[in-house]
Amino acid sequence: MIRTTVKIAMSAVGATLAGMLFVGVFVGALHQPAPRQVPVGVAGPAAAARQVGADLARHSPGAFTVTAYPDAAAARQAIDDRDVDAALVPGLGGPRLLVAGAAGPFATQAVTGAFQAEAAAAGQHLTVTDIRPLPPGDQTGIAPLFVFLGLALPGAVFGIMLAGVVGKRLNGPVKLASLVGFAILTALAATWITDGMTGALPGNPAGLIGIVGLTAFAVSTAYTAAYRLAGLPLAVGLLLLFVPVGISAAGGVLGPAFITSWYAQLGSGLPASAAMPAIRDVVSFGGHALAGPLLVLCLWAGISAIVLALPRPRLPRRPRSGHAPAAGPADADPGSGRGRP
């Protein structure tokens, strides 16, 4: 009875600590969202950009970084390339603000509100044009977050089951082949739902399949490798790192520019901070800013695959008490399919 009570108490404490982690990272990161160094452009000379930056800094210090572009076409291209989230284009008929709603509704609202206030103070009318709007089926911009959740959580289940239950006797290459198959199946299913069924992420199904498949492979392989290295505790720890910490460090639906800078930088190497912007890029921006996200996902996938592919060091068996050591080779890698059960 005492042992059972201790186990129940330890389980309750563990679950409470996990819940505190979820609440702490999400509330801590997202409870006071404010723009921090949101990149914007100005079509015109560098002096004009500096003046715009100074005007914005008076009311919102540190909220925006301003870059000059030679003309409206260059400023628009900078938005398409994901270098800036918006661009101001001065004109005789009044200034125009080009925004990209697909970059995130909070960034668009923050930039639009700041420039409208400046225009009103100068007695001008600001025309706002959304050149990269959010998909009609995802007006809140939340679909990439839910897609990542739909990869990270089932990926943990499959990876842990593959490493510790259904595939624990499989060798590394067979496990990797199983993980590739899981990633392809998941990518096809997720794209069918988000593009075909709901229209939340339309326009580039091939690109979406590629990003979703790479993300599914990276996270599920990481869980499998973690289980092989240290068992269930490390795999669960990785799940907590990927989901509550990773999503909050990516800024959730707000984006990394709306949370504490050091926390966003901490999360920049995690799959969530790579997968969510990559999904937005392939759907709404033609995949112009994929180098960084692809590097992060490929590193997680590559390092985890190496861990699975390498043979586990063979250790000599311990002799049973009162018996001499058994002759013959040491037990093979438990994950190789050879040796004693």
C-alpha atoms as a PDB file:
ATOM      1  CA  MET A   1       0.000   0.000   0.000  1.00  0.00           C
ATOM      2  CA  ILE A   2       2.791   2.427   0.882  1.00  0.00           C
ATOM      3  CA  ARG A   3       4.623   1.629  -2.350  1.00  0.00           C
ATOM      4  CA  THR A   4       1.460   2.239  -4.389  1.00  0.00           C
ATOM      5  CA  THR A   5       0.864   5.545  -2.604  1.00  0.00           C
ATOM      6  CA  VAL A   6       4.429   6.649  -3.346  1.00  0.00           C
ATOM      7  CA  LYS A   7       4.022   5.768  -7.028  1.00  0.00           C
ATOM      8  CA  ILE A   8       0.760   7.703  -7.261  1.00  0.00           C
ATOM      9  CA  ALA A   9       2.345  10.701  -5.531  1.00  0.00           C
ATOM     10  CA  MET A  10       5.365  10.621  -7.851  1.00  0.00           C
ATOM     11  CA  SER A  11       3.102  10.390 -10.902  1.00  0.00           C
ATOM     12  CA  ALA A  12       1.047  13.332  -9.686  1.00  0.00           C
ATOM     13  CA  VAL A  13       4.170  15.408  -9.075  1.00  0.00           C
ATOM     14  CA  GLY A  14       5.561  14.524 -12.505  1.00  0.00           C
ATOM     15  CA  ALA A  15       2.313  15.412 -14.258  1.00  0.00           C
ATOM     16  CA  THR A  16       2.094  18.669 -12.301  1.00  0.00           C
ATOM     17  CA  LEU A  17       5.639  19.628 -13.249  1.00  0.00           C
ATOM     18  CA  ALA A  18       4.875  18.920 -16.916  1.00  0.00           C
ATOM     19  CA  GLY A  19       1.743  21.055 -16.665  1.00  0.00           C
ATOM     20  CA  MET A  20       3.713  23.847 -15.027  1.00  0.00           C
ATOM     21  CA  LEU A  21       6.169  23.700 -17.919  1.00  0.00           C
ATOM     22  CA  PHE A  22       3.361  24.072 -20.462  1.00  0.00           C
ATOM     23  CA  VAL A  23       1.746  26.953 -18.572  1.00  0.00           C
ATOM     24  CA  GLY A  24       5.033  28.635 -17.749  1.00  0.00           C
ATOM     25  CA  VAL A  25       6.542  28.689 -21.225  1.00  0.00           C
ATOM     26  CA  PHE A  26       3.369  29.705 -23.033  1.00  0.00           C
ATOM     27  CA  VAL A  27       2.171  32.318 -20.564  1.00  0.00           C
ATOM     28  CA  GLY A  28       5.691  33.556 -19.914  1.00  0.00           C
ATOM     29  CA  ALA A  29       6.465  34.014 -23.590  1.00  0.00           C
ATOM     30  CA  LEU A  30       3.123  35.247 -24.911  1.00  0.00           C
ATOM     31  CA  HIS A  31       1.400  37.134 -22.082  1.00  0.00           C
ATOM     32  CA  GLN A  32       2.696  40.597 -23.086  1.00  0.00           C
ATOM     33  CA  PRO A  33       3.165  40.529 -26.865  1.00  0.00           C
ATOM     34  CA  ALA A  34       4.835  43.592 -28.321  1.00  0.00           C
ATOM     35  CA  PRO A  35       6.717  44.130 -31.580  1.00  0.00           C
ATOM     36  CA  ARG A  36      10.493  43.883 -31.275  1.00  0.00           C
ATOM     37  CA  GLN A  37      12.618  44.814 -34.280  1.00  0.00           C
ATOM     38  CA  VAL A  38       9.963  43.962 -36.852  1.00  0.00           C
ATOM     39  CA  PRO A  39      11.663  44.531 -40.231  1.00  0.00           C
ATOM     40  CA  VAL A  40      10.058  47.140 -42.494  1.00  0.00           C
ATOM     41  CA  GLY A  41      11.227  48.849 -45.655  1.00  0.00           C
ATOM     42  CA  VAL A  42      10.969  52.336 -47.136  1.00  0.00           C
ATOM     43  CA  ALA A  43      11.096  53.001 -50.873  1.00  0.00           C
ATOM     44  CA  GLY A  44      13.402  55.990 -51.182  1.00  0.00           C
ATOM     45  CA  PRO A  45      16.805  57.320 -50.188  1.00  0.00           C
ATOM     46  CA  ALA A  46      18.566  56.229 -47.005  1.00  0.00           C
ATOM     47  CA  ALA A  47      17.873  59.632 -45.420  1.00  0.00           C
ATOM     48  CA  ALA A  48      14.122  59.084 -45.805  1.00  0.00           C
ATOM     49  CA  ALA A  49      14.400  55.649 -44.220  1.00  0.00           C
ATOM     50  CA  ARG A  50      16.339  57.087 -41.289  1.00  0.00           C
ATOM     51  CA  GLN A  51      13.668  59.714 -40.779  1.00  0.00           C
ATOM     52  CA  VAL A  52      10.898  57.128 -40.848  1.00  0.00           C
ATOM     53  CA  GLY A  53      12.851  55.033 -38.366  1.00  0.00           C
ATOM     54  CA  ALA A  54      13.292  58.002 -36.043  1.00  0.00           C
ATOM     55  CA  ASP A  55       9.580  58.850 -36.237  1.00  0.00           C
ATOM     56  CA  LEU A  56       8.604  55.276 -35.383  1.00  0.00           C
ATOM     57  CA  ALA A  57      11.150  55.066 -32.570  1.00  0.00           C
ATOM     58  CA  ARG A  58       9.669  58.076 -30.815  1.00  0.00           C
ATOM     59  CA  HIS A  59       6.416  56.245 -30.200  1.00  0.00           C
ATOM     60  CA  SER A  60       7.591  52.620 -30.289  1.00  0.00           C
ATOM     61  CA  PRO A  61      11.265  52.406 -29.342  1.00  0.00           C
ATOM     62  CA  GLY A  62      12.881  49.182 -30.506  1.00  0.00           C
ATOM     63  CA  ALA A  63       9.733  47.965 -32.242  1.00  0.00           C
ATOM     64  CA  PHE A  64      10.902  48.285 -35.850  1.00  0.00           C
ATOM     65  CA  THR A  65      14.044  48.155 -37.953  1.00  0.00           C
ATOM     66  CA  VAL A  66      13.878  50.188 -41.161  1.00  0.00           C
ATOM     67  CA  THR A  67      15.724  49.453 -44.405  1.00  0.00           C
ATOM     68  CA  ALA A  68      15.863  51.675 -47.487  1.00  0.00           C
ATOM     69  CA  TYR A  69      15.090  50.334 -50.971  1.00  0.00           C
ATOM     70  CA  PRO A  70      15.619  52.253 -54.207  1.00  0.00           C
ATOM     71  CA  ASP A  71      12.036  52.046 -55.467  1.00  0.00           C
ATOM     72  CA  ALA A  72       8.638  50.469 -54.921  1.00  0.00           C
ATOM     73  CA  ALA A  73       9.487  47.384 -56.999  1.00  0.00           C
ATOM     74  CA  ALA A  74      12.556  46.646 -54.861  1.00  0.00           C
ATOM     75  CA  ALA A  75      10.563  47.162 -51.675  1.00  0.00           C
ATOM     76  CA  ARG A  76       7.855  44.810 -52.913  1.00  0.00           C
ATOM     77  CA  GLN A  77      10.460  42.194 -53.813  1.00  0.00           C
ATOM     78  CA  ALA A  78      11.916  42.475 -50.312  1.00  0.00           C
ATOM     79  CA  ILE A  79       8.500  41.505 -48.929  1.00  0.00           C
ATOM     80  CA  ASP A  80       8.281  38.527 -51.294  1.00  0.00           C
ATOM     81  CA  ASP A  81      11.800  37.460 -50.271  1.00  0.00           C
ATOM     82  CA  ARG A  82      10.811  37.671 -46.570  1.00  0.00           C
ATOM     83  CA  ASP A  83      13.426  40.329 -45.867  1.00  0.00           C
ATOM     84  CA  VAL A  84      10.776  42.712 -44.499  1.00  0.00           C
ATOM     85  CA  ASP A  85       7.170  42.350 -43.355  1.00  0.00           C
ATOM     86  CA  ALA A  86       5.962  45.629 -44.855  1.00  0.00           C
ATOM     87  CA  ALA A  87       7.181  48.578 -46.921  1.00  0.00           C
ATOM     88  CA  LEU A  88       6.246  52.250 -47.070  1.00  0.00           C
ATOM     89  CA  VAL A  89       6.072  53.772 -50.545  1.00  0.00           C
ATOM     90  CA  PRO A  90       5.825  57.591 -50.505  1.00  0.00           C
ATOM     91  CA  GLY A  91       3.870  59.255 -53.337  1.00  0.00           C
ATOM     92  CA  LEU A  92       2.279  62.484 -54.442  1.00  0.00           C
ATOM     93  CA  GLY A  93      -1.198  61.111 -53.792  1.00  0.00           C
ATOM     94  CA  GLY A  94      -0.209  60.078 -50.277  1.00  0.00           C
ATOM     95  CA  PRO A  95       1.909  57.259 -48.871  1.00  0.00           C
ATOM     96  CA  ARG A  96       1.139  53.600 -49.527  1.00  0.00           C
ATOM     97  CA  LEU A  97       1.917  50.803 -47.125  1.00  0.00           C
ATOM     98  CA  LEU A  98       2.526  47.380 -48.637  1.00  0.00           C
ATOM     99  CA  VAL A  99       1.979  44.580 -46.121  1.00  0.00           C
ATOM    100  CA  ALA A 100       2.080  40.792 -46.165  1.00  0.00           C
ATOM    101  CA  GLY A 101      -0.797  39.424 -44.130  1.00  0.00           C
ATOM    102  CA  ALA A 102       0.587  35.916 -44.633  1.00  0.00           C
ATOM    103  CA  ALA A 103       3.604  36.892 -42.525  1.00  0.00           C
ATOM    104  CA  GLY A 104       1.245  36.938 -39.552  1.00  0.00           C
ATOM    105  CA  PRO A 105      -1.786  38.973 -38.538  1.00  0.00           C
ATOM    106  CA  PHE A 106      -0.101  40.411 -35.445  1.00  0.00           C
ATOM    107  CA  ALA A 107       2.868  41.736 -37.402  1.00  0.00           C
ATOM    108  CA  THR A 108       0.514  43.229 -39.990  1.00  0.00           C
ATOM    109  CA  GLN A 109      -1.619  44.896 -37.325  1.00  0.00           C
ATOM    110  CA  ALA A 110       1.390  46.292 -35.481  1.00  0.00           C
ATOM    111  CA  VAL A 111       2.993  47.745 -38.608  1.00  0.00           C
ATOM    112  CA  THR A 112      -0.278  49.105 -39.981  1.00  0.00           C
ATOM    113  CA  GLY A 113      -1.203  50.758 -36.689  1.00  0.00           C
ATOM    114  CA  ALA A 114       2.204  52.398 -36.297  1.00  0.00           C
ATOM    115  CA  PHE A 115       2.292  53.806 -39.834  1.00  0.00           C
ATOM    116  CA  GLN A 116      -1.318  54.952 -39.704  1.00  0.00           C
ATOM    117  CA  ALA A 117      -0.563  56.889 -36.533  1.00  0.00           C
ATOM    118  CA  GLU A 118       2.440  58.554 -38.182  1.00  0.00           C
ATOM    119  CA  ALA A 119       0.417  59.411 -41.290  1.00  0.00           C
ATOM    120  CA  ALA A 120      -2.398  60.869 -39.208  1.00  0.00           C
ATOM    121  CA  ALA A 121       0.084  62.999 -37.250  1.00  0.00           C
ATOM    122  CA  ALA A 122       1.394  64.368 -40.561  1.00  0.00           C
ATOM    123  CA  GLY A 123      -2.131  65.005 -41.882  1.00  0.00           C
ATOM    124  CA  GLN A 124      -1.829  62.346 -44.578  1.00  0.00           C
ATOM    125  CA  HIS A 125      -4.045  59.481 -45.662  1.00  0.00           C
ATOM    126  CA  LEU A 126      -2.285  56.117 -45.678  1.00  0.00           C
ATOM    127  CA  THR A 127      -3.386  53.508 -48.232  1.00  0.00           C
ATOM    128  CA  VAL A 128      -2.743  49.938 -47.077  1.00  0.00           C
ATOM    129  CA  THR A 129      -2.386  47.140 -49.632  1.00  0.00           C
ATOM    130  CA  ASP A 130      -1.986  43.502 -48.627  1.00  0.00           C
ATOM    131  CA  ILE A 131       0.142  41.979 -51.400  1.00  0.00           C
ATOM    132  CA  ARG A 132       0.479  38.556 -49.728  1.00  0.00           C
ATOM    133  CA  PRO A 133      -2.791  37.937 -47.858  1.00  0.00           C
ATOM    134  CA  LEU A 134      -3.536  34.997 -45.621  1.00  0.00           C
ATOM    135  CA  PRO A 135      -5.325  32.083 -47.292  1.00  0.00           C
ATOM    136  CA  PRO A 136      -9.114  32.466 -47.145  1.00  0.00           C
ATOM    137  CA  GLY A 137      -9.314  29.238 -45.149  1.00  0.00           C
ATOM    138  CA  ASP A 138      -6.863  30.414 -42.475  1.00  0.00           C
ATOM    139  CA  GLN A 139      -7.598  34.041 -41.662  1.00  0.00           C
ATOM    140  CA  THR A 140      -5.983  33.764 -38.229  1.00  0.00           C
ATOM    141  CA  GLY A 141      -2.724  32.295 -39.540  1.00  0.00           C
ATOM    142  CA  ILE A 142      -2.886  29.446 -37.032  1.00  0.00           C
ATOM    143  CA  ALA A 143      -2.827  26.504 -39.469  1.00  0.00           C
ATOM    144  CA  PRO A 144       1.010  26.081 -39.512  1.00  0.00           C
ATOM    145  CA  LEU A 145       1.028  25.781 -35.710  1.00  0.00           C
ATOM    146  CA  PHE A 146      -1.605  23.046 -35.737  1.00  0.00           C
ATOM    147  CA  VAL A 147       0.179  21.245 -38.560  1.00  0.00           C
ATOM    148  CA  PHE A 148       3.348  21.179 -36.475  1.00  0.00           C
ATOM    149  CA  LEU A 149       1.406  19.870 -33.475  1.00  0.00           C
ATOM    150  CA  GLY A 150      -0.063  17.209 -35.739  1.00  0.00           C
ATOM    151  CA  LEU A 151       3.470  16.129 -36.597  1.00  0.00           C
ATOM    152  CA  ALA A 152       5.245  16.469 -33.249  1.00  0.00           C
ATOM    153  CA  LEU A 153       2.740  14.562 -31.113  1.00  0.00           C
ATOM    154  CA  PRO A 154       2.012  11.565 -33.397  1.00  0.00           C
ATOM    155  CA  GLY A 155       5.703  11.560 -34.324  1.00  0.00           C
ATOM    156  CA  ALA A 156       6.526  11.056 -30.657  1.00  0.00           C
ATOM    157  CA  VAL A 157       4.085   8.157 -30.371  1.00  0.00           C
ATOM    158  CA  PHE A 158       5.390   6.464 -33.508  1.00  0.00           C
ATOM    159  CA  GLY A 159       9.053   7.094 -32.712  1.00  0.00           C
ATOM    160  CA  ILE A 160       8.794   5.780 -29.158  1.00  0.00           C
ATOM    161  CA  MET A 161       6.724   2.774 -30.233  1.00  0.00           C
ATOM    162  CA  LEU A 162       9.202   1.985 -32.995  1.00  0.00           C
ATOM    163  CA  ALA A 163      12.184   2.239 -30.669  1.00  0.00           C
ATOM    164  CA  GLY A 164      10.756   0.538 -27.609  1.00  0.00           C
ATOM    165  CA  VAL A 165       7.832  -1.697 -28.550  1.00  0.00           C
ATOM    166  CA  VAL A 166       6.889  -2.747 -32.078  1.00  0.00           C
ATOM    167  CA  GLY A 167      10.291  -2.294 -33.689  1.00  0.00           C
ATOM    168  CA  LYS A 168      12.786  -2.676 -30.878  1.00  0.00           C
ATOM    169  CA  ARG A 169      14.404  -5.704 -32.526  1.00  0.00           C
ATOM    170  CA  LEU A 170      14.751  -4.032 -35.924  1.00  0.00           C
ATOM    171  CA  ASN A 171      18.143  -2.847 -37.088  1.00  0.00           C
ATOM    172  CA  GLY A 172      18.925   0.812 -37.806  1.00  0.00           C
ATOM    173  CA  PRO A 173      18.316   0.831 -41.595  1.00  0.00           C
ATOM    174  CA  VAL A 174      14.947  -0.866 -41.213  1.00  0.00           C
ATOM    175  CA  LYS A 175      13.928   1.643 -38.552  1.00  0.00           C
ATOM    176  CA  LEU A 176      14.989   4.513 -40.804  1.00  0.00           C
ATOM    177  CA  ALA A 177      12.987   3.048 -43.688  1.00  0.00           C
ATOM    178  CA  SER A 178       9.966   2.807 -41.377  1.00  0.00           C
ATOM    179  CA  LEU A 179      10.415   6.435 -40.346  1.00  0.00           C
ATOM    180  CA  VAL A 180      10.633   7.536 -43.988  1.00  0.00           C
ATOM    181  CA  GLY A 181       7.407   5.678 -44.721  1.00  0.00           C
ATOM    182  CA  PHE A 182       5.713   7.308 -41.731  1.00  0.00           C
ATOM    183  CA  ALA A 183       6.885  10.758 -42.874  1.00  0.00           C
ATOM    184  CA  ILE A 184       5.578  10.267 -46.422  1.00  0.00           C
ATOM    185  CA  LEU A 185       2.211   8.970 -45.213  1.00  0.00           C
ATOM    186  CA  THR A 186       1.878  11.834 -42.733  1.00  0.00           C
ATOM    187  CA  ALA A 187       2.831  14.447 -45.327  1.00  0.00           C
ATOM    188  CA  LEU A 188       0.264  13.165 -47.819  1.00  0.00           C
ATOM    189  CA  ALA A 189      -2.477  13.037 -45.184  1.00  0.00           C
ATOM    190  CA  ALA A 190      -1.717  16.493 -43.758  1.00  0.00           C
ATOM    191  CA  THR A 191      -1.582  18.083 -47.214  1.00  0.00           C
ATOM    192  CA  TRP A 192      -4.838  16.451 -48.219  1.00  0.00           C
ATOM    193  CA  ILE A 193      -6.523  17.890 -45.122  1.00  0.00           C
ATOM    194  CA  THR A 194      -5.013  21.385 -45.151  1.00  0.00           C
ATOM    195  CA  ASP A 195      -5.090  21.929 -48.905  1.00  0.00           C
ATOM    196  CA  GLY A 196      -7.719  19.652 -50.387  1.00  0.00           C
ATOM    197  CA  MET A 197     -10.319  19.431 -47.624  1.00  0.00           C
ATOM    198  CA  THR A 198     -10.159  22.742 -45.756  1.00  0.00           C
ATOM    199  CA  GLY A 199      -8.277  25.115 -48.066  1.00  0.00           C
ATOM    200  CA  ALA A 200      -6.313  26.394 -45.073  1.00  0.00           C
ATOM    201  CA  LEU A 201      -2.945  26.041 -46.827  1.00  0.00           C
ATOM    202  CA  PRO A 202      -3.643  26.039 -50.564  1.00  0.00           C
ATOM    203  CA  GLY A 203      -1.576  26.765 -53.627  1.00  0.00           C
ATOM    204  CA  ASN A 204       1.575  24.658 -53.379  1.00  0.00           C
ATOM    205  CA  PRO A 205       0.782  21.035 -52.474  1.00  0.00           C
ATOM    206  CA  ALA A 206       4.147  19.709 -53.672  1.00  0.00           C
ATOM    207  CA  GLY A 207       6.069  22.191 -51.545  1.00  0.00           C
ATOM    208  CA  LEU A 208       3.806  21.544 -48.574  1.00  0.00           C
ATOM    209  CA  ILE A 209       4.316  17.777 -48.871  1.00  0.00           C
ATOM    210  CA  GLY A 210       8.074  18.323 -48.905  1.00  0.00           C
ATOM    211  CA  ILE A 211       8.192  20.540 -45.804  1.00  0.00           C
ATOM    212  CA  VAL A 212       5.671  18.478 -43.837  1.00  0.00           C
ATOM    213  CA  GLY A 213       7.428  15.237 -44.773  1.00  0.00           C
ATOM    214  CA  LEU A 214      10.852  16.552 -43.761  1.00  0.00           C
ATOM    215  CA  THR A 215       9.452  17.859 -40.471  1.00  0.00           C
ATOM    216  CA  ALA A 216       7.689  14.569 -39.694  1.00  0.00           C
ATOM    217  CA  PHE A 217      10.874  12.625 -40.438  1.00  0.00           C
ATOM    218  CA  ALA A 218      13.047  14.984 -38.379  1.00  0.00           C
ATOM    219  CA  VAL A 219      10.909  14.912 -35.234  1.00  0.00           C
ATOM    220  CA  SER A 220       9.993  11.214 -35.301  1.00  0.00           C
ATOM    221  CA  THR A 221      13.607  10.207 -35.969  1.00  0.00           C
ATOM    222  CA  ALA A 222      14.771  12.449 -33.135  1.00  0.00           C
ATOM    223  CA  TYR A 223      12.378  10.734 -30.710  1.00  0.00           C
ATOM    224  CA  THR A 224      13.510   7.301 -31.866  1.00  0.00           C
ATOM    225  CA  ALA A 225      17.176   8.239 -31.491  1.00  0.00           C
ATOM    226  CA  ALA A 226      16.550   9.738 -28.049  1.00  0.00           C
ATOM    227  CA  TYR A 227      14.865   6.526 -26.916  1.00  0.00           C
ATOM    228  CA  ARG A 228      17.777   4.494 -28.182  1.00  0.00           C
ATOM    229  CA  LEU A 229      20.289   6.679 -26.330  1.00  0.00           C
ATOM    230  CA  ALA A 230      18.590   6.891 -22.943  1.00  0.00           C
ATOM    231  CA  GLY A 231      15.164   5.310 -23.072  1.00  0.00           C
ATOM    232  CA  LEU A 232      11.767   6.817 -22.388  1.00  0.00           C
ATOM    233  CA  PRO A 233      12.879   9.701 -20.094  1.00  0.00           C
ATOM    234  CA  LEU A 234      14.994  11.325 -22.821  1.00  0.00           C
ATOM    235  CA  ALA A 235      12.296  10.799 -25.458  1.00  0.00           C
ATOM    236  CA  VAL A 236       9.677  12.447 -23.230  1.00  0.00           C
ATOM    237  CA  GLY A 237      12.099  15.255 -22.428  1.00  0.00           C
ATOM    238  CA  LEU A 238      12.575  15.829 -26.155  1.00  0.00           C
ATOM    239  CA  LEU A 239       8.798  15.956 -26.608  1.00  0.00           C
ATOM    240  CA  LEU A 240       8.582  18.686 -23.963  1.00  0.00           C
ATOM    241  CA  LEU A 241      11.401  20.559 -25.698  1.00  0.00           C
ATOM    242  CA  PHE A 242       9.781  20.305 -29.125  1.00  0.00           C
ATOM    243  CA  VAL A 243       6.185  21.149 -28.181  1.00  0.00           C
ATOM    244  CA  PRO A 244       5.712  23.581 -25.268  1.00  0.00           C
ATOM    245  CA  VAL A 245       9.191  25.095 -25.380  1.00  0.00           C
ATOM    246  CA  GLY A 246       9.571  24.967 -29.170  1.00  0.00           C
ATOM    247  CA  ILE A 247       6.174  26.424 -30.060  1.00  0.00           C
ATOM    248  CA  SER A 248       6.330  29.188 -27.456  1.00  0.00           C
ATOM    249  CA  ALA A 249       9.906  30.075 -28.474  1.00  0.00           C
ATOM    250  CA  ALA A 250       8.692  30.321 -32.075  1.00  0.00           C
ATOM    251  CA  GLY A 251       6.152  32.891 -30.903  1.00  0.00           C
ATOM    252  CA  GLY A 252       3.127  30.705 -31.558  1.00  0.00           C
ATOM    253  CA  VAL A 253       0.732  32.573 -33.846  1.00  0.00           C
ATOM    254  CA  LEU A 254       2.404  35.868 -32.898  1.00  0.00           C
ATOM    255  CA  GLY A 255       5.795  35.137 -34.433  1.00  0.00           C
ATOM    256  CA  PRO A 256       9.281  35.426 -32.909  1.00  0.00           C
ATOM    257  CA  ALA A 257       9.317  39.228 -33.246  1.00  0.00           C
ATOM    258  CA  PHE A 258       6.655  39.503 -30.513  1.00  0.00           C
ATOM    259  CA  ILE A 259       8.383  37.639 -27.707  1.00  0.00           C
ATOM    260  CA  THR A 260      11.556  38.230 -25.714  1.00  0.00           C
ATOM    261  CA  SER A 261      14.505  38.282 -28.112  1.00  0.00           C
ATOM    262  CA  TRP A 262      16.718  35.873 -26.166  1.00  0.00           C
ATOM    263  CA  TYR A 263      13.918  33.320 -25.968  1.00  0.00           C
ATOM    264  CA  ALA A 264      13.240  33.555 -29.694  1.00  0.00           C
ATOM    265  CA  GLN A 265      16.953  33.052 -30.358  1.00  0.00           C
ATOM    266  CA  LEU A 266      16.973  30.054 -28.025  1.00  0.00           C
ATOM    267  CA  GLY A 267      14.163  28.467 -29.992  1.00  0.00           C
ATOM    268  CA  SER A 268      15.567  29.261 -33.442  1.00  0.00           C
ATOM    269  CA  GLY A 269      17.325  25.904 -33.563  1.00  0.00           C
ATOM    270  CA  LEU A 270      14.224  23.866 -32.706  1.00  0.00           C
ATOM    271  CA  PRO A 271      11.958  22.229 -35.306  1.00  0.00           C
ATOM    272  CA  ALA A 272       8.932  24.424 -34.522  1.00  0.00           C
ATOM    273  CA  SER A 273      10.827  27.626 -35.340  1.00  0.00           C
ATOM    274  CA  ALA A 274      11.817  26.086 -38.674  1.00  0.00           C
ATOM    275  CA  ALA A 275       8.683  24.206 -39.692  1.00  0.00           C
ATOM    276  CA  MET A 276       6.049  26.892 -39.089  1.00  0.00           C
ATOM    277  CA  PRO A 277       7.701  29.684 -41.110  1.00  0.00           C
ATOM    278  CA  ALA A 278       8.699  27.145 -43.774  1.00  0.00           C
ATOM    279  CA  ILE A 279       5.048  26.140 -44.197  1.00  0.00           C
ATOM    280  CA  ARG A 280       4.058  29.799 -44.545  1.00  0.00           C
ATOM    281  CA  ASP A 281       6.851  30.399 -47.033  1.00  0.00           C
ATOM    282  CA  VAL A 282       5.978  27.560 -49.403  1.00  0.00           C
ATOM    283  CA  VAL A 283       2.261  28.369 -49.298  1.00  0.00           C
ATOM    284  CA  SER A 284       2.318  32.167 -49.548  1.00  0.00           C
ATOM    285  CA  PHE A 285       5.787  33.358 -50.583  1.00  0.00           C
ATOM    286  CA  GLY A 286       6.964  30.858 -53.173  1.00  0.00           C
ATOM    287  CA  GLY A 287       9.605  29.359 -50.890  1.00  0.00           C
ATOM    288  CA  HIS A 288      11.927  32.369 -50.991  1.00  0.00           C
ATOM    289  CA  ALA A 289      13.255  32.041 -47.431  1.00  0.00           C
ATOM    290  CA  LEU A 290      13.677  28.317 -46.883  1.00  0.00           C
ATOM    291  CA  ALA A 291      17.453  28.034 -46.486  1.00  0.00           C
ATOM    292  CA  GLY A 292      17.512  28.561 -42.721  1.00  0.00           C
ATOM    293  CA  PRO A 293      14.483  26.394 -41.864  1.00  0.00           C
ATOM    294  CA  LEU A 294      15.674  23.588 -44.137  1.00  0.00           C
ATOM    295  CA  LEU A 295      19.105  23.643 -42.497  1.00  0.00           C
ATOM    296  CA  VAL A 296      17.585  23.280 -39.010  1.00  0.00           C
ATOM    297  CA  LEU A 297      15.266  20.437 -40.026  1.00  0.00           C
ATOM    298  CA  CYS A 298      18.005  18.621 -41.960  1.00  0.00           C
ATOM    299  CA  LEU A 299      20.380  18.846 -39.001  1.00  0.00           C
ATOM    300  CA  TRP A 300      17.827  17.295 -36.648  1.00  0.00           C
ATOM    301  CA  ALA A 301      17.010  14.611 -39.207  1.00  0.00           C
ATOM    302  CA  GLY A 302      20.630  13.906 -40.145  1.00  0.00           C
ATOM    303  CA  ILE A 303      22.071  13.713 -36.640  1.00  0.00           C
ATOM    304  CA  SER A 304      19.185  11.541 -35.445  1.00  0.00           C
ATOM    305  CA  ALA A 305      19.555   9.220 -38.440  1.00  0.00           C
ATOM    306  CA  ILE A 306      23.276   8.815 -37.713  1.00  0.00           C
ATOM    307  CA  VAL A 307      22.493   7.872 -34.112  1.00  0.00           C
ATOM    308  CA  LEU A 308      20.110   5.183 -35.349  1.00  0.00           C
ATOM    309  CA  ALA A 309      22.430   3.915 -38.056  1.00  0.00           C
ATOM    310  CA  LEU A 310      25.504   3.503 -35.857  1.00  0.00           C
ATOM    311  CA  PRO A 311      25.800   0.122 -34.136  1.00  0.00           C
ATOM    312  CA  ARG A 312      25.458   0.121 -30.387  1.00  0.00           C
ATOM    313  CA  PRO A 313      28.753  -0.724 -28.631  1.00  0.00           C
ATOM    314  CA  ARG A 314      28.808  -4.372 -27.587  1.00  0.00           C
ATOM    315  CA  LEU A 315      29.377  -4.970 -23.914  1.00  0.00           C
ATOM    316  CA  PRO A 316      30.364  -8.310 -22.350  1.00  0.00           C
ATOM    317  CA  ARG A 317      27.593 -10.105 -20.551  1.00  0.00           C
ATOM    318  CA  ARG A 318      27.733 -10.242 -16.816  1.00  0.00           C
ATOM    319  CA  PRO A 319      28.146 -13.791 -15.513  1.00  0.00           C
ATOM    320  CA  ARG A 320      25.369 -15.134 -13.350  1.00  0.00           C
ATOM    321  CA  SER A 321      26.161 -15.505  -9.706  1.00  0.00           C
ATOM    322  CA  GLY A 322      28.081 -18.693  -9.057  1.00  0.00           C
ATOM    323  CA  HIS A 323      28.666 -19.484 -12.754  1.00  0.00           C
ATOM    324  CA  ALA A 324      31.561 -18.867 -15.085  1.00  0.00           C
ATOM    325  CA  PRO A 325      31.136 -16.379 -17.944  1.00  0.00           C
ATOM    326  CA  ALA A 326      29.433 -17.925 -20.940  1.00  0.00           C
ATOM    327  CA  ALA A 327      31.599 -18.571 -23.952  1.00  0.00           C
ATOM    328  CA  GLY A 328      30.874 -16.973 -27.289  1.00  0.00           C
ATOM    329  CA  PRO A 329      30.339 -13.473 -28.619  1.00  0.00           C
ATOM    330  CA  ALA A 330      28.599 -10.763 -26.622  1.00  0.00           C
ATOM    331  CA  ASP A 331      24.988 -10.065 -27.238  1.00  0.00           C
ATOM    332  CA  ALA A 332      24.320  -8.122 -30.376  1.00  0.00           C
ATOM    333  CA  ASP A 333      22.673  -4.702 -30.533  1.00  0.00           C
ATOM    334  CA  PRO A 334      19.104  -5.127 -29.224  1.00  0.00           C
ATOM    335  CA  GLY A 335      17.913  -3.004 -32.106  1.00  0.00           C
ATOM    336  CA  SER A 336      19.701  -5.092 -34.749  1.00  0.00           C
ATOM    337  CA  GLY A 337      17.452  -8.120 -34.688  1.00  0.00           C
ATOM    338  CA  ARG A 338      20.317 -10.461 -33.648  1.00  0.00           C
ATOM    339  CA  GLY A 339      21.309 -11.977 -30.339  1.00  0.00           C
ATOM    340  CA  ARG A 340      19.227 -13.248 -27.530  1.00  0.00           C
ATOM    341  CA  PRO A 341      15.728 -11.886 -26.967  1.00  0.00           C
END
